[in-house]
Structures are given as C-alpha cells and as structure tokens.
C-alpha cells in the first residue's frame, strides 16, 4: 500500500529549503481539524490540550483511512494561525496576549462521516480534553509569502520584520489573513537551534499598485 507524505506531495508548501529565502506560493483551499485558543503556548493548559486533541483525532483518522479506504498517509505536521489585537505584542513576545488556531490538515479523500466517526472513536478511547472545541474548516489563503526559519521560535522576529516591512510592501502587496506557522520539527525532541518552521503570510495586491516581484 502506497503511503502518502504531504510534505513531499505538496513540496512547494511544506518542503522549502532555507536557500529559497522569502518566496511566493499559491496555496489551494485545504481542510483542517482546528481548535481555537488564547494565551502563552508555553504555559497555557488550553494550548497543550488543543494539540493533544488534534493529534488524537488525526491519528484516528489516519488508521480509519488505512483500514477502511485502503489509503495510508503520514499524519501532516501541526500548523498554527496567530494573531493579536495589538501587533506589537508579537515583536515584544508578549505571549499572554496572543490568540491562536492550532490545526492539522485533513486529506481531501476523507469525508465528513469518517471525520465524525473518528471524533467519536477518539472520545471513547482517550477522551481528549478539547474535543468539544474541535471543528473542521476549509482555509483559503491563495497567494502567500513564506520562508523556512531554522532555529528557536523566539528568533523569528528579524525575518518576520523583513517580510512585513520590506518584502511584502516592496512587491506592492499588503497582508491579508493571519500569520501562519507550520511546525516541521518537534520541540520535545529537537534542540531549539535545529527546529524548522515555515512562516507564511497571505497577501493581496495593494490598491492602485501593479506589483512586480522583487527580492
């Protein structure tokens, strides 16, 4: 049985190298398991419960797909949308003021009935704490700027500043949607300096500007 790895199948979105630097991608509409929350991800119990719940359902879905549909796949990486009322709280790393949506991709061949069944199976087996907060939603991002960051999460500031203060406006775009991170490394197993994170920002053309791509 072939095993799909979305990091390879969707390499432009999930497999960029550091050498690419800031670059543009076209992101298709993708369905996700999602849980919303608020607060410092390093301290908030709700964050830990959200992540545990997402993976519990994601792995239940994977095994259901393999046994019932004959389609196996590697569970996609954890992703997160991040925002705050005052964007300065990001630069200041004032994490108590952050809002987040943590999420894991759902393969397009898995239907609503199988998702609902997987949720109830996870409830019966493990009873994850945030299960009642979980939803399935399609995310439409379209054109986006992204970059691979290697290192601690708290070192993202300079590349994000370059993205938002130079690359995006210099190309005639403005941000739209929320800051998006894709976690290719596991902070429980990897040294901080080896963590790999894709940083993504959806963009749209600035009114009255005809954009031309510049580095």
C-alpha atoms as a PDB file:
ATOM      1  CA  UNK A   1       0.000   0.000   0.000  1.00  0.00           C
ATOM      2  CA  UNK A   2       1.372   3.369  -1.012  1.00  0.00           C
ATOM      3  CA  UNK A   3       1.815   5.818   1.848  1.00  0.00           C
ATOM      4  CA  UNK A   4       1.263   9.480   1.015  1.00  0.00           C
ATOM      5  CA  UNK A   5       3.591  12.042   2.581  1.00  0.00           C
ATOM      6  CA  UNK A   6       2.084  15.502   2.113  1.00  0.00           C
ATOM      7  CA  UNK A   7       5.403  17.206   2.854  1.00  0.00           C
ATOM      8  CA  UNK A   8       6.660  15.575  -0.360  1.00  0.00           C
ATOM      9  CA  UNK A   9       3.435  15.664  -2.370  1.00  0.00           C
ATOM     10  CA  UNK A  10       2.956  19.375  -1.600  1.00  0.00           C
ATOM     11  CA  UNK A  11       6.646  20.189  -1.553  1.00  0.00           C
ATOM     12  CA  UNK A  12       6.204  23.828  -2.560  1.00  0.00           C
ATOM     13  CA  UNK A  13       4.085  24.385   0.548  1.00  0.00           C
ATOM     14  CA  UNK A  14       5.686  22.034   3.072  1.00  0.00           C
ATOM     15  CA  UNK A  15       9.207  21.426   1.840  1.00  0.00           C
ATOM     16  CA  UNK A  16      11.005  24.703   1.102  1.00  0.00           C
ATOM     17  CA  UNK A  17      14.728  24.940   1.734  1.00  0.00           C
ATOM     18  CA  UNK A  18      16.469  27.770   3.523  1.00  0.00           C
ATOM     19  CA  UNK A  19      18.211  28.710   0.270  1.00  0.00           C
ATOM     20  CA  UNK A  20      14.883  29.833  -1.204  1.00  0.00           C
ATOM     21  CA  UNK A  21      14.601  32.640   1.316  1.00  0.00           C
ATOM     22  CA  UNK A  22      11.395  34.656   1.142  1.00  0.00           C
ATOM     23  CA  UNK A  23       9.306  33.464  -1.796  1.00  0.00           C
ATOM     24  CA  UNK A  24       5.748  33.372  -3.123  1.00  0.00           C
ATOM     25  CA  UNK A  25       3.433  30.357  -3.192  1.00  0.00           C
ATOM     26  CA  UNK A  26      -0.142  29.800  -4.310  1.00  0.00           C
ATOM     27  CA  UNK A  27      -1.948  27.923  -1.565  1.00  0.00           C
ATOM     28  CA  UNK A  28      -5.024  25.890  -2.545  1.00  0.00           C
ATOM     29  CA  UNK A  29      -8.044  25.583  -0.295  1.00  0.00           C
ATOM     30  CA  UNK A  30      -7.191  22.990   2.376  1.00  0.00           C
ATOM     31  CA  UNK A  31      -9.382  21.438   5.086  1.00  0.00           C
ATOM     32  CA  UNK A  32      -8.103  21.289   8.630  1.00  0.00           C
ATOM     33  CA  UNK A  33      -9.006  19.982  12.031  1.00  0.00           C
ATOM     34  CA  UNK A  34      -8.978  23.217  14.075  1.00  0.00           C
ATOM     35  CA  UNK A  35      -9.104  24.331  17.708  1.00  0.00           C
ATOM     36  CA  UNK A  36      -9.043  27.986  18.790  1.00  0.00           C
ATOM     37  CA  UNK A  37      -7.464  29.345  21.947  1.00  0.00           C
ATOM     38  CA  UNK A  38      -5.728  32.195  23.697  1.00  0.00           C
ATOM     39  CA  UNK A  39      -2.573  32.699  25.736  1.00  0.00           C
ATOM     40  CA  UNK A  40       1.062  31.738  26.020  1.00  0.00           C
ATOM     41  CA  UNK A  41       1.603  28.414  24.194  1.00  0.00           C
ATOM     42  CA  UNK A  42       4.417  27.596  26.603  1.00  0.00           C
ATOM     43  CA  UNK A  43       2.215  27.962  29.669  1.00  0.00           C
ATOM     44  CA  UNK A  44      -1.469  27.746  28.739  1.00  0.00           C
ATOM     45  CA  UNK A  45      -3.037  24.396  29.585  1.00  0.00           C
ATOM     46  CA  UNK A  46      -5.583  25.014  26.829  1.00  0.00           C
ATOM     47  CA  UNK A  47      -2.785  25.026  24.229  1.00  0.00           C
ATOM     48  CA  UNK A  48      -1.427  21.667  25.353  1.00  0.00           C
ATOM     49  CA  UNK A  49      -4.916  20.173  25.421  1.00  0.00           C
ATOM     50  CA  UNK A  50      -5.647  21.520  21.940  1.00  0.00           C
ATOM     51  CA  UNK A  51      -2.523  19.953  20.450  1.00  0.00           C
ATOM     52  CA  UNK A  52      -3.132  16.621  22.204  1.00  0.00           C
ATOM     53  CA  UNK A  53      -6.721  16.558  20.936  1.00  0.00           C
ATOM     54  CA  UNK A  54      -5.752  17.384  17.358  1.00  0.00           C
ATOM     55  CA  UNK A  55      -3.202  14.588  17.189  1.00  0.00           C
ATOM     56  CA  UNK A  56      -5.564  12.093  18.833  1.00  0.00           C
ATOM     57  CA  UNK A  57      -8.184  12.690  16.143  1.00  0.00           C
ATOM     58  CA  UNK A  58      -5.621  12.986  13.327  1.00  0.00           C
ATOM     59  CA  UNK A  59      -4.129   9.566  14.112  1.00  0.00           C
ATOM     60  CA  UNK A  60      -7.582   8.035  14.473  1.00  0.00           C
ATOM     61  CA  UNK A  61      -8.423   9.376  11.006  1.00  0.00           C
ATOM     62  CA  UNK A  62      -5.183   8.021   9.565  1.00  0.00           C
ATOM     63  CA  UNK A  63      -5.894   4.488  10.769  1.00  0.00           C
ATOM     64  CA  UNK A  64      -9.523   4.676   9.605  1.00  0.00           C
ATOM     65  CA  UNK A  65      -8.361   5.747   6.141  1.00  0.00           C
ATOM     66  CA  UNK A  66      -5.860   2.902   6.002  1.00  0.00           C
ATOM     67  CA  UNK A  67      -8.214   0.163   7.183  1.00  0.00           C
ATOM     68  CA  UNK A  68     -11.488   1.315   5.620  1.00  0.00           C
ATOM     69  CA  UNK A  69     -10.335   3.013   2.418  1.00  0.00           C
ATOM     70  CA  UNK A  70      -7.004   1.332   1.785  1.00  0.00           C
ATOM     71  CA  UNK A  71      -5.286   4.731   1.654  1.00  0.00           C
ATOM     72  CA  UNK A  72      -2.417   5.300   4.063  1.00  0.00           C
ATOM     73  CA  UNK A  73      -0.641   8.578   4.757  1.00  0.00           C
ATOM     74  CA  UNK A  74       1.750  10.238   7.149  1.00  0.00           C
ATOM     75  CA  UNK A  75      -0.094  12.475   9.595  1.00  0.00           C
ATOM     76  CA  UNK A  76       0.582  16.049   8.402  1.00  0.00           C
ATOM     77  CA  UNK A  77       2.507  18.476  10.617  1.00  0.00           C
ATOM     78  CA  UNK A  78       0.963  20.698  13.251  1.00  0.00           C
ATOM     79  CA  UNK A  79       0.166  24.195  11.992  1.00  0.00           C
ATOM     80  CA  UNK A  80      -0.955  27.381  13.682  1.00  0.00           C
ATOM     81  CA  UNK A  81      -2.608  30.689  12.871  1.00  0.00           C
ATOM     82  CA  UNK A  82      -1.580  33.505  15.215  1.00  0.00           C
ATOM     83  CA  UNK A  83      -2.919  36.998  15.840  1.00  0.00           C
ATOM     84  CA  UNK A  84      -3.299  39.720  18.481  1.00  0.00           C
ATOM     85  CA  UNK A  85      -5.305  42.907  18.825  1.00  0.00           C
ATOM     86  CA  UNK A  86      -2.047  44.834  19.060  1.00  0.00           C
ATOM     87  CA  UNK A  87       0.539  43.511  16.604  1.00  0.00           C
ATOM     88  CA  UNK A  88       3.301  44.994  18.744  1.00  0.00           C
ATOM     89  CA  UNK A  89       2.720  42.184  21.218  1.00  0.00           C
ATOM     90  CA  UNK A  90       4.311  39.821  18.676  1.00  0.00           C
ATOM     91  CA  UNK A  91       7.535  41.796  18.463  1.00  0.00           C
ATOM     92  CA  UNK A  92       7.554  42.143  22.254  1.00  0.00           C
ATOM     93  CA  UNK A  93       6.859  38.378  22.611  1.00  0.00           C
ATOM     94  CA  UNK A  94       4.001  39.243  24.971  1.00  0.00           C
ATOM     95  CA  UNK A  95       2.541  35.790  24.564  1.00  0.00           C
ATOM     96  CA  UNK A  96      -0.252  36.130  27.113  1.00  0.00           C
ATOM     97  CA  UNK A  97      -1.990  38.442  24.614  1.00  0.00           C
ATOM     98  CA  UNK A  98      -1.754  36.065  21.674  1.00  0.00           C
ATOM     99  CA  UNK A  99      -4.708  34.297  20.045  1.00  0.00           C
ATOM    100  CA  UNK A 100      -4.204  31.109  18.100  1.00  0.00           C
ATOM    101  CA  UNK A 101      -5.852  28.440  15.983  1.00  0.00           C
ATOM    102  CA  UNK A 102      -3.949  25.169  16.011  1.00  0.00           C
ATOM    103  CA  UNK A 103      -4.685  22.781  13.178  1.00  0.00           C
ATOM    104  CA  UNK A 104      -3.783  19.627  11.226  1.00  0.00           C
ATOM    105  CA  UNK A 105      -4.611  19.022   7.561  1.00  0.00           C
ATOM    106  CA  UNK A 106      -7.345  16.546   6.600  1.00  0.00           C
ATOM    107  CA  UNK A 107      -6.766  14.639   3.314  1.00  0.00           C
ATOM    108  CA  UNK A 108      -9.307  15.538   0.639  1.00  0.00           C
ATOM    109  CA  UNK A 109     -10.449  11.934   0.193  1.00  0.00           C
ATOM    110  CA  UNK A 110     -11.776  11.722   3.775  1.00  0.00           C
ATOM    111  CA  UNK A 111     -15.437  12.670   4.041  1.00  0.00           C
ATOM    112  CA  UNK A 112     -17.488  14.207   6.871  1.00  0.00           C
ATOM    113  CA  UNK A 113     -18.914  10.863   8.031  1.00  0.00           C
ATOM    114  CA  UNK A 114     -15.457   9.395   8.583  1.00  0.00           C
ATOM    115  CA  UNK A 115     -14.333  12.533  10.431  1.00  0.00           C
ATOM    116  CA  UNK A 116     -17.380  12.392  12.692  1.00  0.00           C
ATOM    117  CA  UNK A 117     -16.760   8.716  13.396  1.00  0.00           C
ATOM    118  CA  UNK A 118     -13.088   9.379  14.174  1.00  0.00           C
ATOM    119  CA  UNK A 119     -14.060  12.086  16.657  1.00  0.00           C
ATOM    120  CA  UNK A 120     -16.382   9.702  18.482  1.00  0.00           C
ATOM    121  CA  UNK A 121     -13.762   6.932  18.424  1.00  0.00           C
ATOM    122  CA  UNK A 122     -11.202   9.302  19.951  1.00  0.00           C
ATOM    123  CA  UNK A 123     -13.767  10.348  22.556  1.00  0.00           C
ATOM    124  CA  UNK A 124     -14.416   6.735  23.552  1.00  0.00           C
ATOM    125  CA  UNK A 125     -10.758   5.693  23.629  1.00  0.00           C
ATOM    126  CA  UNK A 126      -8.913   8.694  25.052  1.00  0.00           C
ATOM    127  CA  UNK A 127     -11.475  11.375  25.808  1.00  0.00           C
ATOM    128  CA  UNK A 128      -9.141  14.265  24.855  1.00  0.00           C
ATOM    129  CA  UNK A 129      -9.937  17.387  26.856  1.00  0.00           C
ATOM    130  CA  UNK A 130     -10.517  19.818  23.968  1.00  0.00           C
ATOM    131  CA  UNK A 131     -12.612  17.521  21.787  1.00  0.00           C
ATOM    132  CA  UNK A 132     -15.757  19.624  22.095  1.00  0.00           C
ATOM    133  CA  UNK A 133     -13.818  22.637  20.777  1.00  0.00           C
ATOM    134  CA  UNK A 134     -12.682  20.863  17.626  1.00  0.00           C
ATOM    135  CA  UNK A 135     -14.118  21.804  14.252  1.00  0.00           C
ATOM    136  CA  UNK A 136     -13.350  21.086  10.580  1.00  0.00           C
ATOM    137  CA  UNK A 137     -12.925  24.100   8.341  1.00  0.00           C
ATOM    138  CA  UNK A 138     -11.554  24.906   4.886  1.00  0.00           C
ATOM    139  CA  UNK A 139      -8.819  27.546   4.867  1.00  0.00           C
ATOM    140  CA  UNK A 140      -8.455  29.718   1.762  1.00  0.00           C
ATOM    141  CA  UNK A 141      -5.155  31.601   1.641  1.00  0.00           C
ATOM    142  CA  UNK A 142      -4.329  31.957  -2.045  1.00  0.00           C
ATOM    143  CA  UNK A 143      -1.167  33.931  -2.739  1.00  0.00           C
ATOM    144  CA  UNK A 144       1.207  33.961   0.214  1.00  0.00           C
ATOM    145  CA  UNK A 145       4.777  34.848   1.093  1.00  0.00           C
ATOM    146  CA  UNK A 146       6.645  32.210   3.055  1.00  0.00           C
ATOM    147  CA  UNK A 147      10.104  31.335   4.301  1.00  0.00           C
ATOM    148  CA  UNK A 148      11.774  28.464   6.149  1.00  0.00           C
ATOM    149  CA  UNK A 149      13.078  29.512   9.560  1.00  0.00           C
ATOM    150  CA  UNK A 150      15.633  27.295  11.295  1.00  0.00           C
ATOM    151  CA  UNK A 151      16.157  27.951  14.989  1.00  0.00           C
ATOM    152  CA  UNK A 152      14.203  28.862  18.139  1.00  0.00           C
ATOM    153  CA  UNK A 153      10.705  30.228  17.733  1.00  0.00           C
ATOM    154  CA  UNK A 154      11.687  33.397  19.598  1.00  0.00           C
ATOM    155  CA  UNK A 155      14.302  34.151  16.916  1.00  0.00           C
ATOM    156  CA  UNK A 156      11.679  34.617  14.187  1.00  0.00           C
ATOM    157  CA  UNK A 157      11.488  38.391  14.702  1.00  0.00           C
ATOM    158  CA  UNK A 158      14.111  39.613  12.187  1.00  0.00           C
ATOM    159  CA  UNK A 159      12.860  37.518   9.264  1.00  0.00           C
ATOM    160  CA  UNK A 160       9.256  38.467  10.012  1.00  0.00           C
ATOM    161  CA  UNK A 161      10.263  42.134  10.106  1.00  0.00           C
ATOM    162  CA  UNK A 162      11.937  41.759   6.715  1.00  0.00           C
ATOM    163  CA  UNK A 163       8.843  40.006   5.360  1.00  0.00           C
ATOM    164  CA  UNK A 164       6.343  42.611   6.573  1.00  0.00           C
ATOM    165  CA  UNK A 165       8.388  45.804   6.398  1.00  0.00           C
ATOM    166  CA  UNK A 166      10.245  45.218   3.138  1.00  0.00           C
ATOM    167  CA  UNK A 167       9.410  42.178   1.004  1.00  0.00           C
ATOM    168  CA  UNK A 168       5.615  42.484   1.094  1.00  0.00           C
ATOM    169  CA  UNK A 169       5.315  46.270   0.566  1.00  0.00           C
ATOM    170  CA  UNK A 170       8.206  46.356  -1.931  1.00  0.00           C
ATOM    171  CA  UNK A 171       6.259  43.932  -4.121  1.00  0.00           C
ATOM    172  CA  UNK A 172       3.088  46.014  -3.992  1.00  0.00           C
ATOM    173  CA  UNK A 173       1.206  43.759  -1.588  1.00  0.00           C
ATOM    174  CA  UNK A 174      -0.478  44.089   1.791  1.00  0.00           C
ATOM    175  CA  UNK A 175      -1.013  41.287   4.330  1.00  0.00           C
ATOM    176  CA  UNK A 176      -4.376  39.598   4.414  1.00  0.00           C
ATOM    177  CA  UNK A 177      -5.393  36.841   6.769  1.00  0.00           C
ATOM    178  CA  UNK A 178      -3.419  35.660   9.764  1.00  0.00           C
ATOM    179  CA  UNK A 179       0.220  34.829  10.391  1.00  0.00           C
ATOM    180  CA  UNK A 180       0.624  31.119   9.636  1.00  0.00           C
ATOM    181  CA  UNK A 181       3.289  28.771  11.009  1.00  0.00           C
ATOM    182  CA  UNK A 182       3.960  25.158  10.027  1.00  0.00           C
ATOM    183  CA  UNK A 183       5.996  23.135  12.510  1.00  0.00           C
ATOM    184  CA  UNK A 184       8.284  20.655  10.770  1.00  0.00           C
ATOM    185  CA  UNK A 185      10.188  19.883  13.968  1.00  0.00           C
ATOM    186  CA  UNK A 186       9.122  18.620  17.392  1.00  0.00           C
ATOM    187  CA  UNK A 187      10.292  20.916  20.228  1.00  0.00           C
ATOM    188  CA  UNK A 188      10.108  17.937  22.609  1.00  0.00           C
ATOM    189  CA  UNK A 189      12.720  16.049  20.585  1.00  0.00           C
ATOM    190  CA  UNK A 190      14.806  18.648  18.711  1.00  0.00           C
ATOM    191  CA  UNK A 191      17.285  21.183  20.036  1.00  0.00           C
ATOM    192  CA  UNK A 192      15.924  24.747  19.661  1.00  0.00           C
ATOM    193  CA  UNK A 193      18.610  25.674  17.122  1.00  0.00           C
ATOM    194  CA  UNK A 194      17.506  22.800  14.864  1.00  0.00           C
ATOM    195  CA  UNK A 195      13.772  23.484  14.827  1.00  0.00           C
ATOM    196  CA  UNK A 196      12.364  24.002  11.320  1.00  0.00           C
ATOM    197  CA  UNK A 197       9.329  26.254  10.932  1.00  0.00           C
ATOM    198  CA  UNK A 198       7.656  27.570   7.796  1.00  0.00           C
ATOM    199  CA  UNK A 199       6.477  31.156   8.295  1.00  0.00           C
ATOM    200  CA  UNK A 200       3.684  32.167   5.934  1.00  0.00           C
ATOM    201  CA  UNK A 201       1.709  35.363   5.354  1.00  0.00           C
ATOM    202  CA  UNK A 202      -1.172  35.545   2.849  1.00  0.00           C
ATOM    203  CA  UNK A 203      -1.075  38.739   0.769  1.00  0.00           C
ATOM    204  CA  UNK A 204      -3.142  40.697  -1.734  1.00  0.00           C
ATOM    205  CA  UNK A 205      -2.314  43.497  -4.144  1.00  0.00           C
ATOM    206  CA  UNK A 206      -2.216  46.954  -2.647  1.00  0.00           C
ATOM    207  CA  UNK A 207      -4.933  49.089  -4.274  1.00  0.00           C
ATOM    208  CA  UNK A 208      -3.601  51.219  -7.108  1.00  0.00           C
ATOM    209  CA  UNK A 209      -0.337  49.249  -7.399  1.00  0.00           C
ATOM    210  CA  UNK A 210       0.777  46.986 -10.241  1.00  0.00           C
ATOM    211  CA  UNK A 211       3.142  44.632  -8.417  1.00  0.00           C
ATOM    212  CA  UNK A 212       6.343  43.261  -9.870  1.00  0.00           C
ATOM    213  CA  UNK A 213       8.286  40.677  -7.935  1.00  0.00           C
ATOM    214  CA  UNK A 214      11.480  41.938  -6.326  1.00  0.00           C
ATOM    215  CA  UNK A 215      13.833  40.129  -3.986  1.00  0.00           C
END
